[in-house]
């Protein structure tokens, strides 16, 4: 098992590394050339900038039984297609039972945004310590589940 993190602006990298280190599991952080990452534990792969370049590199590397940390539903769907596990930075597990619904919701939200003339939206809400705690608990459970 290996853990792959879609690390462009990912707020849970340090939590993933801490838990992986405790369990002696390799981590690979993937980012594009617009981001700078440093790690004393993880392997870092910097992928050329380009639409979805990091996503495709991550999917090409991951294998059955690996864990993928991503907020991108498309990446999660491809990981599930390779029999890998996938988790959102919120702690929500992506599964074969929920991925189709998530992809449909993403599609509908994108269509709604296009239909509106207003092109500026408020960003995601500020991340809290409670969000980090929830992710950590969920990630630990996923690690146990993946190791079974």
N, C-alpha and C. Protein backbone atom coordinates (compact mmCIF):
# COMPACT_ATOMS: atom_id res chain seq x y z
N UNK A 1 0.85 -1.18 0.00
CA UNK A 1 0.00 0.00 0.00
C UNK A 1 0.89 1.24 0.00
N UNK A 2 0.44 2.23 -0.76
CA UNK A 2 1.11 3.52 -0.80
C UNK A 2 0.02 4.60 -0.77
N UNK A 3 0.35 5.76 -0.27
CA UNK A 3 -0.60 6.86 -0.21
C UNK A 3 -0.16 7.92 -1.21
N UNK A 4 -1.10 8.33 -2.05
CA UNK A 4 -0.86 9.39 -3.02
C UNK A 4 -1.74 10.58 -2.66
N UNK A 5 -1.13 11.76 -2.61
CA UNK A 5 -1.87 12.96 -2.25
C UNK A 5 -1.84 13.94 -3.42
N UNK A 6 -3.03 14.33 -3.85
CA UNK A 6 -3.20 15.40 -4.82
C UNK A 6 -2.93 16.67 -4.01
N UNK A 7 -1.67 17.07 -3.95
CA UNK A 7 -1.20 18.00 -2.92
C UNK A 7 -1.29 19.48 -3.27
N UNK A 8 -1.76 19.82 -4.45
CA UNK A 8 -1.94 21.23 -4.79
C UNK A 8 -2.92 21.85 -3.80
N UNK A 9 -2.44 22.70 -2.94
CA UNK A 9 -3.27 23.41 -1.95
C UNK A 9 -4.06 22.45 -1.05
N UNK A 10 -3.50 21.30 -0.75
CA UNK A 10 -4.17 20.32 0.11
C UNK A 10 -3.88 20.64 1.58
N UNK A 11 -4.93 20.87 2.38
CA UNK A 11 -4.71 21.28 3.77
C UNK A 11 -4.40 20.15 4.74
N UNK A 12 -4.42 18.89 4.28
CA UNK A 12 -4.25 17.77 5.21
C UNK A 12 -2.96 16.99 5.00
N UNK A 13 -2.02 17.55 4.26
CA UNK A 13 -0.77 16.85 3.96
C UNK A 13 -0.05 16.42 5.24
N UNK A 14 0.09 17.30 6.19
CA UNK A 14 0.83 16.97 7.43
C UNK A 14 0.13 15.90 8.24
N UNK A 15 -1.19 15.90 8.24
CA UNK A 15 -1.94 14.86 8.95
C UNK A 15 -1.70 13.51 8.29
N UNK A 16 -1.77 13.48 6.96
CA UNK A 16 -1.52 12.24 6.21
C UNK A 16 -0.12 11.72 6.51
N UNK A 17 0.86 12.63 6.46
CA UNK A 17 2.25 12.21 6.72
C UNK A 17 2.42 11.67 8.13
N UNK A 18 1.82 12.32 9.11
CA UNK A 18 1.94 11.87 10.50
C UNK A 18 1.42 10.44 10.66
N UNK A 19 0.24 10.18 10.12
CA UNK A 19 -0.37 8.85 10.26
C UNK A 19 0.39 7.82 9.43
N UNK A 20 0.83 8.20 8.24
CA UNK A 20 1.60 7.28 7.40
C UNK A 20 2.91 6.90 8.08
N UNK A 21 3.56 7.89 8.66
CA UNK A 21 4.83 7.64 9.35
C UNK A 21 4.62 6.68 10.52
N UNK A 22 3.55 6.88 11.29
CA UNK A 22 3.24 5.99 12.41
C UNK A 22 3.07 4.54 11.93
N UNK A 23 2.54 4.38 10.71
CA UNK A 23 2.25 3.05 10.16
C UNK A 23 3.30 2.58 9.15
N UNK A 24 4.36 3.37 8.99
CA UNK A 24 5.47 3.03 8.07
C UNK A 24 4.97 2.77 6.65
N UNK A 25 4.13 3.70 6.17
CA UNK A 25 3.60 3.60 4.82
C UNK A 25 4.14 4.77 4.00
N UNK A 26 4.58 4.46 2.78
CA UNK A 26 5.13 5.48 1.89
C UNK A 26 4.06 6.45 1.42
N UNK A 27 4.46 7.71 1.30
CA UNK A 27 3.57 8.76 0.81
C UNK A 27 4.24 9.44 -0.38
N UNK A 28 3.44 9.71 -1.38
CA UNK A 28 3.90 10.48 -2.54
C UNK A 28 2.99 11.69 -2.69
N UNK A 29 3.59 12.87 -2.63
CA UNK A 29 2.86 14.12 -2.80
C UNK A 29 3.06 14.58 -4.24
N UNK A 30 1.97 14.83 -4.94
CA UNK A 30 2.06 15.31 -6.32
C UNK A 30 1.52 16.72 -6.39
N UNK A 31 2.27 17.59 -7.06
CA UNK A 31 1.84 18.97 -7.24
C UNK A 31 2.35 19.47 -8.58
N UNK A 32 1.80 20.60 -9.01
CA UNK A 32 2.29 21.18 -10.27
C UNK A 32 3.40 22.19 -9.98
N UNK A 33 3.94 22.74 -11.02
CA UNK A 33 5.09 23.65 -10.88
C UNK A 33 4.71 24.98 -10.24
N UNK A 34 3.42 25.23 -10.06
CA UNK A 34 2.98 26.47 -9.41
C UNK A 34 2.98 26.37 -7.89
N UNK A 35 3.28 25.21 -7.34
CA UNK A 35 3.28 25.02 -5.89
C UNK A 35 4.65 24.57 -5.43
N UNK A 36 4.99 24.92 -4.22
CA UNK A 36 6.26 24.51 -3.64
C UNK A 36 5.95 23.66 -2.41
N UNK A 37 6.44 22.44 -2.42
CA UNK A 37 6.23 21.54 -1.29
C UNK A 37 7.57 21.11 -0.72
N UNK A 38 7.58 20.92 0.59
CA UNK A 38 8.75 20.36 1.25
C UNK A 38 8.28 19.30 2.22
N UNK A 39 9.07 18.26 2.36
CA UNK A 39 8.70 17.20 3.28
C UNK A 39 9.95 16.45 3.72
N UNK A 40 9.96 16.10 4.99
CA UNK A 40 11.03 15.25 5.52
C UNK A 40 10.66 13.78 5.41
N UNK A 41 9.42 13.49 5.04
CA UNK A 41 8.96 12.10 5.01
C UNK A 41 8.55 11.63 3.61
N UNK A 42 7.80 12.42 2.91
CA UNK A 42 7.19 12.00 1.65
C UNK A 42 8.09 12.20 0.44
N UNK A 43 7.85 11.39 -0.56
CA UNK A 43 8.43 11.62 -1.88
C UNK A 43 7.59 12.72 -2.53
N UNK A 44 8.24 13.66 -3.18
CA UNK A 44 7.52 14.75 -3.85
C UNK A 44 7.76 14.63 -5.35
N UNK A 45 6.65 14.65 -6.09
CA UNK A 45 6.73 14.64 -7.54
C UNK A 45 6.11 15.94 -8.05
N UNK A 46 6.92 16.71 -8.74
CA UNK A 46 6.45 17.96 -9.32
C UNK A 46 6.15 17.68 -10.79
N UNK A 47 4.91 17.92 -11.15
CA UNK A 47 4.42 17.61 -12.50
C UNK A 47 4.27 18.92 -13.26
N UNK A 48 4.62 18.91 -14.52
CA UNK A 48 4.49 20.11 -15.33
C UNK A 48 3.10 20.70 -15.25
N UNK A 49 3.03 22.01 -15.24
CA UNK A 49 1.74 22.69 -15.17
C UNK A 49 0.93 22.35 -16.41
N UNK A 50 -0.34 22.25 -16.23
CA UNK A 50 -1.24 21.94 -17.33
C UNK A 50 -2.53 21.39 -16.76
N UNK A 51 -3.60 21.62 -17.47
CA UNK A 51 -4.90 21.16 -17.00
C UNK A 51 -4.86 19.66 -16.73
N UNK A 52 -5.12 19.30 -15.51
CA UNK A 52 -5.24 17.90 -15.08
C UNK A 52 -3.95 17.09 -15.15
N UNK A 53 -2.81 17.72 -15.34
CA UNK A 53 -1.54 16.98 -15.44
C UNK A 53 -1.25 16.21 -14.15
N UNK A 54 -1.44 16.85 -13.01
CA UNK A 54 -1.20 16.19 -11.72
C UNK A 54 -2.19 15.04 -11.54
N UNK A 55 -3.43 15.27 -11.91
CA UNK A 55 -4.46 14.23 -11.75
C UNK A 55 -4.09 12.97 -12.52
N UNK A 56 -3.70 13.13 -13.77
CA UNK A 56 -3.37 11.96 -14.59
C UNK A 56 -2.08 11.29 -14.12
N UNK A 57 -1.11 12.06 -13.66
CA UNK A 57 0.12 11.47 -13.13
C UNK A 57 -0.19 10.63 -11.90
N UNK A 58 -1.03 11.14 -11.03
CA UNK A 58 -1.40 10.42 -9.81
C UNK A 58 -2.09 9.11 -10.17
N UNK A 59 -3.05 9.17 -11.08
CA UNK A 59 -3.78 7.96 -11.46
C UNK A 59 -2.87 6.95 -12.15
N UNK A 60 -1.91 7.42 -12.91
CA UNK A 60 -0.97 6.49 -13.55
C UNK A 60 -0.10 5.78 -12.52
N UNK A 61 0.18 6.43 -11.40
CA UNK A 61 1.02 5.83 -10.36
C UNK A 61 0.25 4.91 -9.43
N UNK A 62 -0.97 5.25 -9.10
CA UNK A 62 -1.68 4.48 -8.07
C UNK A 62 -2.10 3.11 -8.58
N UNK A 63 -2.16 2.19 -7.63
CA UNK A 63 -2.50 0.80 -7.94
C UNK A 63 -3.56 0.30 -6.97
N UNK A 64 -4.05 -0.87 -7.24
CA UNK A 64 -5.05 -1.49 -6.39
C UNK A 64 -4.56 -1.54 -4.94
N UNK A 65 -5.41 -1.12 -4.02
CA UNK A 65 -5.07 -1.15 -2.61
C UNK A 65 -4.40 0.10 -2.08
N UNK A 66 -3.98 1.00 -2.97
CA UNK A 66 -3.38 2.27 -2.53
C UNK A 66 -4.48 3.20 -2.03
N UNK A 67 -4.07 4.27 -1.37
CA UNK A 67 -5.00 5.29 -0.89
C UNK A 67 -4.68 6.60 -1.60
N UNK A 68 -5.73 7.26 -2.09
CA UNK A 68 -5.60 8.53 -2.77
C UNK A 68 -6.34 9.59 -1.95
N UNK A 69 -5.66 10.69 -1.67
CA UNK A 69 -6.26 11.82 -0.97
C UNK A 69 -6.45 12.92 -2.01
N UNK A 70 -7.71 13.27 -2.26
CA UNK A 70 -8.02 14.27 -3.29
C UNK A 70 -9.36 14.92 -3.02
N UNK A 71 -9.50 16.15 -3.46
CA UNK A 71 -10.81 16.78 -3.39
C UNK A 71 -11.49 16.74 -4.75
N UNK A 72 -10.84 16.15 -5.73
CA UNK A 72 -11.35 16.08 -7.10
C UNK A 72 -12.14 14.78 -7.30
N UNK A 73 -13.43 14.92 -7.54
CA UNK A 73 -14.28 13.74 -7.71
C UNK A 73 -13.86 12.89 -8.90
N UNK A 74 -13.39 13.53 -9.96
CA UNK A 74 -12.94 12.79 -11.13
C UNK A 74 -11.74 11.91 -10.82
N UNK A 75 -10.78 12.46 -10.08
CA UNK A 75 -9.61 11.69 -9.66
C UNK A 75 -10.06 10.53 -8.77
N UNK A 76 -10.98 10.81 -7.86
CA UNK A 76 -11.49 9.76 -6.97
C UNK A 76 -12.15 8.65 -7.77
N UNK A 77 -12.94 9.00 -8.77
CA UNK A 77 -13.61 8.00 -9.60
C UNK A 77 -12.59 7.11 -10.32
N UNK A 78 -11.54 7.73 -10.86
CA UNK A 78 -10.51 6.94 -11.55
C UNK A 78 -9.75 6.05 -10.56
N UNK A 79 -9.50 6.55 -9.35
CA UNK A 79 -8.82 5.73 -8.34
C UNK A 79 -9.68 4.52 -7.98
N UNK A 80 -10.97 4.76 -7.77
CA UNK A 80 -11.87 3.64 -7.47
C UNK A 80 -11.89 2.64 -8.61
N UNK A 81 -11.79 3.14 -9.84
CA UNK A 81 -11.76 2.26 -11.00
C UNK A 81 -10.53 1.36 -11.03
N UNK A 82 -9.49 1.77 -10.34
CA UNK A 82 -8.26 0.97 -10.24
C UNK A 82 -8.24 0.15 -8.94
N UNK A 83 -9.37 0.09 -8.24
CA UNK A 83 -9.51 -0.65 -6.98
C UNK A 83 -8.63 -0.06 -5.87
N UNK A 84 -8.40 1.25 -5.96
CA UNK A 84 -7.72 1.97 -4.88
C UNK A 84 -8.79 2.57 -3.97
N UNK A 85 -8.37 3.07 -2.83
CA UNK A 85 -9.27 3.76 -1.90
C UNK A 85 -9.08 5.25 -2.13
N UNK A 86 -10.14 6.02 -1.86
CA UNK A 86 -10.03 7.46 -2.05
C UNK A 86 -10.78 8.18 -0.94
N UNK A 87 -10.18 9.30 -0.49
CA UNK A 87 -10.76 10.08 0.58
C UNK A 87 -10.61 11.56 0.27
N UNK A 88 -11.64 12.32 0.62
CA UNK A 88 -11.66 13.78 0.44
C UNK A 88 -10.99 14.42 1.64
N UNK A 89 -10.49 15.62 1.50
CA UNK A 89 -9.83 16.32 2.61
C UNK A 89 -10.80 16.62 3.75
N UNK A 90 -12.11 16.46 3.51
CA UNK A 90 -13.10 16.62 4.57
C UNK A 90 -13.20 15.36 5.43
N UNK A 91 -12.64 14.26 4.92
CA UNK A 91 -12.73 12.98 5.62
C UNK A 91 -13.76 12.05 5.00
N UNK A 92 -14.50 12.54 4.03
CA UNK A 92 -15.50 11.70 3.37
C UNK A 92 -14.82 10.69 2.48
N UNK A 93 -15.20 9.43 2.64
CA UNK A 93 -14.68 8.38 1.78
C UNK A 93 -15.45 8.40 0.47
N UNK A 94 -14.72 8.27 -0.61
CA UNK A 94 -15.35 8.06 -1.91
C UNK A 94 -15.52 6.55 -2.05
N UNK A 95 -16.69 6.12 -2.47
CA UNK A 95 -16.94 4.70 -2.65
C UNK A 95 -17.66 4.47 -3.97
N UNK A 96 -17.72 3.23 -4.37
CA UNK A 96 -18.48 2.90 -5.58
C UNK A 96 -19.96 3.21 -5.39
N UNK A 97 -20.41 3.27 -4.14
CA UNK A 97 -21.82 3.56 -3.87
C UNK A 97 -22.15 5.05 -3.93
N UNK A 98 -21.16 5.94 -3.73
CA UNK A 98 -21.49 7.37 -3.71
C UNK A 98 -20.86 8.19 -4.85
N UNK A 99 -19.93 7.62 -5.59
CA UNK A 99 -19.18 8.42 -6.56
C UNK A 99 -20.06 8.91 -7.72
N UNK A 100 -20.99 8.09 -8.19
CA UNK A 100 -21.84 8.54 -9.29
C UNK A 100 -22.69 9.75 -8.88
N UNK A 101 -23.24 9.71 -7.68
CA UNK A 101 -24.03 10.83 -7.18
C UNK A 101 -23.18 12.09 -7.04
N UNK A 102 -21.96 11.93 -6.52
CA UNK A 102 -21.06 13.08 -6.36
C UNK A 102 -20.70 13.69 -7.71
N UNK A 103 -20.43 12.85 -8.69
CA UNK A 103 -20.10 13.35 -10.03
C UNK A 103 -21.30 14.07 -10.65
N UNK A 104 -22.50 13.55 -10.43
CA UNK A 104 -23.70 14.21 -10.96
C UNK A 104 -23.91 15.56 -10.29
N UNK A 105 -23.72 15.62 -8.97
CA UNK A 105 -23.86 16.89 -8.26
C UNK A 105 -22.84 17.91 -8.76
N UNK A 106 -21.62 17.46 -9.02
CA UNK A 106 -20.59 18.36 -9.54
C UNK A 106 -20.99 18.90 -10.91
N UNK A 107 -21.50 18.01 -11.75
CA UNK A 107 -21.93 18.42 -13.08
C UNK A 107 -23.06 19.44 -13.00
N UNK A 108 -24.04 19.19 -12.15
CA UNK A 108 -25.18 20.10 -12.03
C UNK A 108 -24.74 21.45 -11.46
N UNK A 109 -23.83 21.45 -10.51
CA UNK A 109 -23.34 22.71 -9.94
C UNK A 109 -22.57 23.52 -10.98
N UNK A 110 -21.80 22.83 -11.80
CA UNK A 110 -21.04 23.52 -12.85
C UNK A 110 -22.00 24.13 -13.87
N UNK A 111 -23.04 23.39 -14.22
CA UNK A 111 -24.03 23.90 -15.17
C UNK A 111 -24.75 25.11 -14.58
N UNK A 112 -25.05 25.07 -13.30
CA UNK A 112 -25.73 26.20 -12.65
C UNK A 112 -24.83 27.43 -12.63
N UNK A 113 -23.53 27.21 -12.39
CA UNK A 113 -22.59 28.34 -12.39
C UNK A 113 -22.50 28.98 -13.77
N UNK A 114 -22.50 28.16 -14.79
CA UNK A 114 -22.43 28.68 -16.16
C UNK A 114 -23.68 29.46 -16.52
N UNK A 115 -24.81 29.07 -15.98
CA UNK A 115 -26.08 29.72 -16.30
C UNK A 115 -26.19 31.11 -15.66
N UNK A 116 -25.45 31.34 -14.60
CA UNK A 116 -25.49 32.63 -13.92
C UNK A 116 -24.52 33.60 -14.59
N UNK A 117 -24.90 34.87 -14.61
CA UNK A 117 -24.00 35.86 -15.20
C UNK A 117 -22.92 36.28 -14.22
N UNK A 118 -23.15 36.06 -12.96
CA UNK A 118 -22.18 36.42 -11.91
C UNK A 118 -21.06 35.38 -11.92
N UNK A 119 -19.83 35.82 -12.10
CA UNK A 119 -18.72 34.88 -12.22
C UNK A 119 -17.83 34.82 -10.99
N UNK A 120 -18.15 35.56 -9.96
CA UNK A 120 -17.32 35.48 -8.76
C UNK A 120 -18.14 34.87 -7.62
N UNK A 121 -17.52 33.90 -6.99
CA UNK A 121 -18.17 33.18 -5.91
C UNK A 121 -17.28 33.25 -4.69
N UNK A 122 -17.88 33.14 -3.56
CA UNK A 122 -17.05 33.07 -2.36
C UNK A 122 -16.39 31.69 -2.34
N UNK A 123 -15.21 31.64 -1.81
CA UNK A 123 -14.48 30.39 -1.76
C UNK A 123 -15.01 29.48 -0.66
N UNK A 124 -14.32 28.39 -0.43
CA UNK A 124 -14.75 27.47 0.62
C UNK A 124 -14.61 28.13 1.99
N UNK A 125 -15.38 27.61 2.93
CA UNK A 125 -15.30 28.17 4.28
C UNK A 125 -13.93 27.86 4.88
N UNK A 126 -13.51 28.70 5.81
CA UNK A 126 -12.21 28.55 6.44
C UNK A 126 -12.12 27.22 7.18
N UNK A 127 -11.01 26.54 7.01
CA UNK A 127 -10.81 25.24 7.65
C UNK A 127 -10.59 25.44 9.14
N UNK A 128 -11.17 24.54 9.93
CA UNK A 128 -11.07 24.63 11.39
C UNK A 128 -10.30 23.46 11.96
N UNK A 129 -9.94 23.56 13.23
CA UNK A 129 -9.28 22.44 13.91
C UNK A 129 -10.23 21.24 13.97
N UNK A 130 -11.52 21.51 14.06
CA UNK A 130 -12.52 20.43 14.07
C UNK A 130 -12.52 19.68 12.73
N UNK A 131 -12.35 20.42 11.63
CA UNK A 131 -12.25 19.78 10.31
C UNK A 131 -11.03 18.85 10.26
N UNK A 132 -9.90 19.33 10.78
CA UNK A 132 -8.68 18.51 10.80
C UNK A 132 -8.87 17.26 11.65
N UNK A 133 -9.51 17.42 12.79
CA UNK A 133 -9.76 16.29 13.69
C UNK A 133 -10.64 15.25 13.01
N UNK A 134 -11.68 15.73 12.33
CA UNK A 134 -12.59 14.81 11.63
C UNK A 134 -11.84 14.06 10.52
N UNK A 135 -11.02 14.79 9.75
CA UNK A 135 -10.25 14.13 8.70
C UNK A 135 -9.34 13.07 9.30
N UNK A 136 -8.63 13.42 10.37
CA UNK A 136 -7.69 12.48 10.97
C UNK A 136 -8.39 11.20 11.43
N UNK A 137 -9.52 11.33 12.07
CA UNK A 137 -10.26 10.16 12.53
C UNK A 137 -10.71 9.29 11.35
N UNK A 138 -11.23 9.93 10.31
CA UNK A 138 -11.70 9.21 9.15
C UNK A 138 -10.55 8.55 8.39
N UNK A 139 -9.42 9.26 8.28
CA UNK A 139 -8.26 8.72 7.58
C UNK A 139 -7.69 7.51 8.33
N UNK A 140 -7.64 7.59 9.64
CA UNK A 140 -7.17 6.44 10.44
C UNK A 140 -8.07 5.21 10.21
N UNK A 141 -9.38 5.43 10.17
CA UNK A 141 -10.31 4.33 9.91
C UNK A 141 -10.10 3.76 8.51
N UNK A 142 -9.86 4.64 7.53
CA UNK A 142 -9.63 4.16 6.18
C UNK A 142 -8.34 3.34 6.11
N UNK A 143 -7.33 3.77 6.82
CA UNK A 143 -6.06 3.01 6.83
C UNK A 143 -6.29 1.59 7.37
N UNK A 144 -7.07 1.49 8.42
CA UNK A 144 -7.38 0.17 8.99
C UNK A 144 -8.17 -0.66 7.98
N UNK A 145 -9.18 -0.04 7.39
CA UNK A 145 -10.03 -0.72 6.40
C UNK A 145 -9.20 -1.20 5.21
N UNK A 146 -8.31 -0.36 4.72
CA UNK A 146 -7.49 -0.71 3.56
C UNK A 146 -6.50 -1.81 3.87
N UNK A 147 -6.08 -1.89 5.13
CA UNK A 147 -5.11 -2.91 5.53
C UNK A 147 -5.72 -4.29 5.80
N UNK A 148 -7.04 -4.35 5.84
CA UNK A 148 -7.71 -5.64 6.14
C UNK A 148 -7.65 -6.60 4.98
